[in-house]
Amino acid sequence: MKAKGRVLSRDYLLDTIWGFDQALEIQTRTVDVHIQTLRKKIKSEAKRIVTVKNYGYRFQLEPDED
């Protein structure tokens, strides 16, 4: 996994997945809503998606690694 342990910003995810231009300064909850939905779908593995407050998200291969 390329981004293992790396924090991906909300802007990066918006641009990479949905094609939003960061320069537009779009205020959207799209990323947050999709992360919430993803966590619900993967249930017991949801703790692998870690929120980095005011920045983005990090995926952990091992749920207890920091």
PDB file of N, CA and C in Angstrom:
ATOM      1  N   MET A   1       0.848  -1.167   0.000  1.00  0.00           N
ATOM      2  CA  MET A   1       0.000   0.000   0.000  1.00  0.00           C
ATOM      3  C   MET A   1       0.899   1.238   0.000  1.00  0.00           C
ATOM      4  N   LYS A   2       0.747   2.080  -0.998  1.00  0.00           N
ATOM      5  CA  LYS A   2       1.614   3.250  -1.162  1.00  0.00           C
ATOM      6  C   LYS A   2       1.528   4.260  -0.025  1.00  0.00           C
ATOM      7  N   ALA A   3       0.331   4.544   0.428  1.00  0.00           N
ATOM      8  CA  ALA A   3       0.137   5.617   1.405  1.00  0.00           C
ATOM      9  C   ALA A   3       0.079   5.112   2.838  1.00  0.00           C
ATOM     10  N   LYS A   4       0.562   3.922   3.090  1.00  0.00           N
ATOM     11  CA  LYS A   4       0.507   3.347   4.440  1.00  0.00           C
ATOM     12  C   LYS A   4       1.105   4.319   5.458  1.00  0.00           C
ATOM     13  N   GLY A   5       0.312   4.679   6.449  1.00  0.00           N
ATOM     14  CA  GLY A   5       0.784   5.553   7.515  1.00  0.00           C
ATOM     15  C   GLY A   5       0.849   7.023   7.155  1.00  0.00           C
ATOM     16  N   ARG A   6       0.695   7.351   5.884  1.00  0.00           N
ATOM     17  CA  ARG A   6       0.767   8.742   5.440  1.00  0.00           C
ATOM     18  C   ARG A   6      -0.592   9.408   5.643  1.00  0.00           C
ATOM     19  N   VAL A   7      -0.575  10.637   6.095  1.00  0.00           N
ATOM     20  CA  VAL A   7      -1.816  11.387   6.268  1.00  0.00           C
ATOM     21  C   VAL A   7      -2.184  12.014   4.925  1.00  0.00           C
ATOM     22  N   LEU A   8      -3.410  11.746   4.495  1.00  0.00           N
ATOM     23  CA  LEU A   8      -3.912  12.320   3.248  1.00  0.00           C
ATOM     24  C   LEU A   8      -4.879  13.444   3.601  1.00  0.00           C
ATOM     25  N   SER A   9      -4.588  14.625   3.100  1.00  0.00           N
ATOM     26  CA  SER A   9      -5.431  15.779   3.425  1.00  0.00           C
ATOM     27  C   SER A   9      -6.795  15.659   2.749  1.00  0.00           C
ATOM     28  N   ARG A  10      -7.756  16.357   3.312  1.00  0.00           N
ATOM     29  CA  ARG A  10      -9.085  16.388   2.707  1.00  0.00           C
ATOM     30  C   ARG A  10      -8.994  16.973   1.299  1.00  0.00           C
ATOM     31  N   ASP A  11      -8.175  18.032   1.113  1.00  0.00           N
ATOM     32  CA  ASP A  11      -8.008  18.642  -0.213  1.00  0.00           C
ATOM     33  C   ASP A  11      -7.446  17.640  -1.214  1.00  0.00           C
ATOM     34  N   TYR A  12      -6.451  16.869  -0.787  1.00  0.00           N
ATOM     35  CA  TYR A  12      -5.857  15.855  -1.661  1.00  0.00           C
ATOM     36  C   TYR A  12      -6.914  14.835  -2.080  1.00  0.00           C
ATOM     37  N   LEU A  13      -7.710  14.368  -1.127  1.00  0.00           N
ATOM     38  CA  LEU A  13      -8.749  13.381  -1.429  1.00  0.00           C
ATOM     39  C   LEU A  13      -9.816  13.973  -2.351  1.00  0.00           C
ATOM     40  N   LEU A  14     -10.230  15.216  -2.088  1.00  0.00           N
ATOM     41  CA  LEU A  14     -11.212  15.875  -2.955  1.00  0.00           C
ATOM     42  C   LEU A  14     -10.701  15.984  -4.385  1.00  0.00           C
ATOM     43  N   ASP A  15      -9.455  16.383  -4.535  1.00  0.00           N
ATOM     44  CA  ASP A  15      -8.873  16.559  -5.863  1.00  0.00           C
ATOM     45  C   ASP A  15      -8.656  15.222  -6.564  1.00  0.00           C
ATOM     46  N   THR A  16      -8.088  14.256  -5.856  1.00  0.00           N
ATOM     47  CA  THR A  16      -7.730  12.975  -6.460  1.00  0.00           C
ATOM     48  C   THR A  16      -8.955  12.124  -6.797  1.00  0.00           C
ATOM     49  N   ILE A  17      -9.915  12.088  -5.912  1.00  0.00           N
ATOM     50  CA  ILE A  17     -11.073  11.210  -6.100  1.00  0.00           C
ATOM     51  C   ILE A  17     -12.197  11.891  -6.880  1.00  0.00           C
ATOM     52  N   TRP A  18     -12.518  13.134  -6.523  1.00  0.00           N
ATOM     53  CA  TRP A  18     -13.657  13.811  -7.138  1.00  0.00           C
ATOM     54  C   TRP A  18     -13.259  14.902  -8.127  1.00  0.00           C
ATOM     55  N   GLY A  19     -11.980  15.219  -8.238  1.00  0.00           N
ATOM     56  CA  GLY A  19     -11.525  16.209  -9.199  1.00  0.00           C
ATOM     57  C   GLY A  19     -11.791  17.654  -8.820  1.00  0.00           C
ATOM     58  N   PHE A  20     -12.022  17.930  -7.525  1.00  0.00           N
ATOM     59  CA  PHE A  20     -12.215  19.303  -7.070  1.00  0.00           C
ATOM     60  C   PHE A  20     -10.885  20.042  -7.113  1.00  0.00           C
ATOM     61  N   ASP A  21     -10.910  21.275  -7.603  1.00  0.00           N
ATOM     62  CA  ASP A  21      -9.719  22.113  -7.634  1.00  0.00           C
ATOM     63  C   ASP A  21      -9.533  22.751  -6.260  1.00  0.00           C
ATOM     64  N   GLN A  22      -8.386  22.506  -5.644  1.00  0.00           N
ATOM     65  CA  GLN A  22      -8.105  23.037  -4.305  1.00  0.00           C
ATOM     66  C   GLN A  22      -8.155  24.558  -4.271  1.00  0.00           C
ATOM     67  N   ALA A  23      -7.824  25.198  -5.376  1.00  0.00           N
ATOM     68  CA  ALA A  23      -7.781  26.658  -5.421  1.00  0.00           C
ATOM     69  C   ALA A  23      -9.173  27.275  -5.250  1.00  0.00           C
ATOM     70  N   LEU A  24     -10.208  26.505  -5.491  1.00  0.00           N
ATOM     71  CA  LEU A  24     -11.565  27.037  -5.372  1.00  0.00           C
ATOM     72  C   LEU A  24     -12.017  27.181  -3.930  1.00  0.00           C
ATOM     73  N   GLU A  25     -11.271  26.593  -3.005  1.00  0.00           N
ATOM     74  CA  GLU A  25     -11.590  26.647  -1.573  1.00  0.00           C
ATOM     75  C   GLU A  25     -13.039  26.222  -1.307  1.00  0.00           C
ATOM     76  N   ILE A  26     -13.396  25.106  -1.864  1.00  0.00           N
ATOM     77  CA  ILE A  26     -14.743  24.568  -1.682  1.00  0.00           C
ATOM     78  C   ILE A  26     -14.893  24.057  -0.256  1.00  0.00           C
ATOM     79  N   GLN A  27     -15.951  24.481   0.396  1.00  0.00           N
ATOM     80  CA  GLN A  27     -16.267  23.979   1.728  1.00  0.00           C
ATOM     81  C   GLN A  27     -17.265  22.845   1.556  1.00  0.00           C
ATOM     82  N   THR A  28     -16.792  21.625   1.667  1.00  0.00           N
ATOM     83  CA  THR A  28     -17.667  20.482   1.475  1.00  0.00           C
ATOM     84  C   THR A  28     -17.387  19.418   2.526  1.00  0.00           C
ATOM     85  N   ARG A  29     -18.404  18.688   2.850  1.00  0.00           N
ATOM     86  CA  ARG A  29     -18.287  17.586   3.805  1.00  0.00           C
ATOM     87  C   ARG A  29     -18.254  16.248   3.062  1.00  0.00           C
ATOM     88  N   THR A  30     -18.073  16.283   1.749  1.00  0.00           N
ATOM     89  CA  THR A  30     -18.082  15.072   0.928  1.00  0.00           C
ATOM     90  C   THR A  30     -17.128  14.018   1.456  1.00  0.00           C
ATOM     91  N   VAL A  31     -15.899  14.405   1.730  1.00  0.00           N
ATOM     92  CA  VAL A  31     -14.904  13.441   2.210  1.00  0.00           C
ATOM     93  C   VAL A  31     -15.350  12.848   3.541  1.00  0.00           C
ATOM     94  N   ASP A  32     -15.776  13.694   4.458  1.00  0.00           N
ATOM     95  CA  ASP A  32     -16.185  13.232   5.786  1.00  0.00           C
ATOM     96  C   ASP A  32     -17.358  12.253   5.711  1.00  0.00           C
ATOM     97  N   VAL A  33     -18.326  12.570   4.864  1.00  0.00           N
ATOM     98  CA  VAL A  33     -19.493  11.703   4.712  1.00  0.00           C
ATOM     99  C   VAL A  33     -19.086  10.353   4.124  1.00  0.00           C
ATOM    100  N   HIS A  34     -18.219  10.363   3.127  1.00  0.00           N
ATOM    101  CA  HIS A  34     -17.779   9.108   2.519  1.00  0.00           C
ATOM    102  C   HIS A  34     -16.923   8.276   3.483  1.00  0.00           C
ATOM    103  N   ILE A  35     -16.096   8.929   4.266  1.00  0.00           N
ATOM    104  CA  ILE A  35     -15.302   8.204   5.273  1.00  0.00           C
ATOM    105  C   ILE A  35     -16.236   7.562   6.294  1.00  0.00           C
ATOM    106  N   GLN A  36     -17.248   8.295   6.730  1.00  0.00           N
ATOM    107  CA  GLN A  36     -18.219   7.754   7.681  1.00  0.00           C
ATOM    108  C   GLN A  36     -18.926   6.528   7.087  1.00  0.00           C
ATOM    109  N   THR A  37     -19.335   6.615   5.836  1.00  0.00           N
ATOM    110  CA  THR A  37     -19.995   5.494   5.162  1.00  0.00           C
ATOM    111  C   THR A  37     -19.054   4.303   5.035  1.00  0.00           C
ATOM    112  N   LEU A  38     -17.813   4.568   4.667  1.00  0.00           N
ATOM    113  CA  LEU A  38     -16.816   3.504   4.547  1.00  0.00           C
ATOM    114  C   LEU A  38     -16.595   2.811   5.887  1.00  0.00           C
ATOM    115  N   ARG A  39     -16.487   3.589   6.947  1.00  0.00           N
ATOM    116  CA  ARG A  39     -16.306   3.011   8.286  1.00  0.00           C
ATOM    117  C   ARG A  39     -17.475   2.097   8.660  1.00  0.00           C
ATOM    118  N   LYS A  40     -18.687   2.503   8.323  1.00  0.00           N
ATOM    119  CA  LYS A  40     -19.861   1.674   8.620  1.00  0.00           C
ATOM    120  C   LYS A  40     -19.813   0.361   7.845  1.00  0.00           C
ATOM    121  N   LYS A  41     -19.339   0.410   6.612  1.00  0.00           N
ATOM    122  CA  LYS A  41     -19.292  -0.791   5.779  1.00  0.00           C
ATOM    123  C   LYS A  41     -18.221  -1.777   6.230  1.00  0.00           C
ATOM    124  N   ILE A  42     -17.102  -1.268   6.729  1.00  0.00           N
ATOM    125  CA  ILE A  42     -16.022  -2.183   7.129  1.00  0.00           C
ATOM    126  C   ILE A  42     -16.075  -2.528   8.612  1.00  0.00           C
ATOM    127  N   LYS A  43     -17.050  -1.999   9.311  1.00  0.00           N
ATOM    128  CA  LYS A  43     -17.375  -2.318  10.711  1.00  0.00           C
ATOM    129  C   LYS A  43     -16.176  -2.470  11.636  1.00  0.00           C
ATOM    130  N   SER A  44     -15.790  -3.697  11.951  1.00  0.00           N
ATOM    131  CA  SER A  44     -14.746  -3.919  12.962  1.00  0.00           C
ATOM    132  C   SER A  44     -13.379  -3.390  12.528  1.00  0.00           C
ATOM    133  N   GLU A  45     -13.190  -3.174  11.246  1.00  0.00           N
ATOM    134  CA  GLU A  45     -11.918  -2.641  10.748  1.00  0.00           C
ATOM    135  C   GLU A  45     -11.934  -1.117  10.633  1.00  0.00           C
ATOM    136  N   ALA A  46     -13.032  -0.497  11.006  1.00  0.00           N
ATOM    137  CA  ALA A  46     -13.191   0.954  10.865  1.00  0.00           C
ATOM    138  C   ALA A  46     -12.114   1.738  11.605  1.00  0.00           C
ATOM    139  N   LYS A  47     -11.594   1.179  12.690  1.00  0.00           N
ATOM    140  CA  LYS A  47     -10.578   1.893  13.475  1.00  0.00           C
ATOM    141  C   LYS A  47      -9.257   2.044  12.720  1.00  0.00           C
ATOM    142  N   ARG A  48      -9.138   1.378  11.587  1.00  0.00           N
ATOM    143  CA  ARG A  48      -7.932   1.520  10.759  1.00  0.00           C
ATOM    144  C   ARG A  48      -7.890   2.873  10.035  1.00  0.00           C
ATOM    145  N   ILE A  49      -9.044   3.506   9.880  1.00  0.00           N
ATOM    146  CA  ILE A  49      -9.105   4.835   9.268  1.00  0.00           C
ATOM    147  C   ILE A  49      -9.088   5.850  10.404  1.00  0.00           C
ATOM    148  N   VAL A  50      -7.972   6.533  10.538  1.00  0.00           N
ATOM    149  CA  VAL A  50      -7.756   7.449  11.658  1.00  0.00           C
ATOM    150  C   VAL A  50      -7.942   8.888  11.182  1.00  0.00           C
ATOM    151  N   THR A  51      -8.744   9.636  11.913  1.00  0.00           N
ATOM    152  CA  THR A  51      -8.938  11.052  11.613  1.00  0.00           C
ATOM    153  C   THR A  51      -7.782  11.855  12.184  1.00  0.00           C
ATOM    154  N   VAL A  52      -7.205  12.714  11.356  1.00  0.00           N
ATOM    155  CA  VAL A  52      -6.181  13.655  11.807  1.00  0.00           C
ATOM    156  C   VAL A  52      -6.882  15.014  11.822  1.00  0.00           C
ATOM    157  N   LYS A  53      -7.202  15.460  13.016  1.00  0.00           N
ATOM    158  CA  LYS A  53      -8.040  16.644  13.211  1.00  0.00           C
ATOM    159  C   LYS A  53      -7.578  17.836  12.373  1.00  0.00           C
ATOM    160  N   ASN A  54      -8.538  18.469  11.727  1.00  0.00           N
ATOM    161  CA  ASN A  54      -8.328  19.666  10.901  1.00  0.00           C
ATOM    162  C   ASN A  54      -7.399  19.443   9.718  1.00  0.00           C
ATOM    163  N   TYR A  55      -7.171  18.187   9.328  1.00  0.00           N
ATOM    164  CA  TYR A  55      -6.293  17.949   8.187  1.00  0.00           C
ATOM    165  C   TYR A  55      -6.834  16.893   7.232  1.00  0.00           C
ATOM    166  N   GLY A  56      -6.979  15.659   7.721  1.00  0.00           N
ATOM    167  CA  GLY A  56      -7.401  14.600   6.816  1.00  0.00           C
ATOM    168  C   GLY A  56      -7.494  13.252   7.497  1.00  0.00           C
ATOM    169  N   TYR A  57      -7.025  12.225   6.802  1.00  0.00           N
ATOM    170  CA  TYR A  57      -7.165  10.856   7.296  1.00  0.00           C
ATOM    171  C   TYR A  57      -5.902  10.053   7.026  1.00  0.00           C
ATOM    172  N   ARG A  58      -5.723   9.034   7.870  1.00  0.00           N
ATOM    173  CA  ARG A  58      -4.577   8.132   7.738  1.00  0.00           C
ATOM    174  C   ARG A  58      -5.114   6.709   7.841  1.00  0.00           C
ATOM    175  N   PHE A  59      -4.603   5.813   6.981  1.00  0.00           N
ATOM    176  CA  PHE A  59      -4.987   4.402   7.034  1.00  0.00           C
ATOM    177  C   PHE A  59      -3.872   3.616   7.701  1.00  0.00           C
ATOM    178  N   GLN A  60      -4.228   2.831   8.690  1.00  0.00           N
ATOM    179  CA  GLN A  60      -3.257   2.004   9.413  1.00  0.00           C
ATOM    180  C   GLN A  60      -3.476   0.542   9.049  1.00  0.00           C
ATOM    181  N   LEU A  61      -2.410  -0.154   8.669  1.00  0.00           N
ATOM    182  CA  LEU A  61      -2.539  -1.588   8.409  1.00  0.00           C
ATOM    183  C   LEU A  61      -2.793  -2.337   9.700  1.00  0.00           C
ATOM    184  N   GLU A  62      -2.127  -1.907  10.764  1.00  0.00           N
ATOM    185  CA  GLU A  62      -2.351  -2.482  12.094  1.00  0.00           C
ATOM    186  C   GLU A  62      -3.118  -1.446  12.902  1.00  0.00           C
ATOM    187  N   PRO A  63      -4.290  -1.794  13.447  1.00  0.00           N
ATOM    188  CA  PRO A  63      -5.129  -0.798  14.116  1.00  0.00           C
ATOM    189  C   PRO A  63      -4.507  -0.121  15.329  1.00  0.00           C
ATOM    190  N   ASP A  64      -3.477  -0.701  15.923  1.00  0.00           N
ATOM    191  CA  ASP A  64      -2.891  -0.093  17.120  1.00  0.00           C
ATOM    192  C   ASP A  64      -1.584   0.635  16.857  1.00  0.00           C
ATOM    193  N   GLU A  65      -1.127   0.705  15.604  1.00  0.00           N
ATOM    194  CA  GLU A  65       0.134   1.399  15.325  1.00  0.00           C
ATOM    195  C   GLU A  65      -0.095   2.902  15.310  1.00  0.00           C
ATOM    196  N   ASP A  66       0.883   3.656  15.758  1.00  0.00           N
ATOM    197  CA  ASP A  66       0.771   5.122  15.787  1.00  0.00           C
ATOM    198  C   ASP A  66       1.799   5.769  14.921  1.00  0.00           C
TER     199      ASP A  66
END
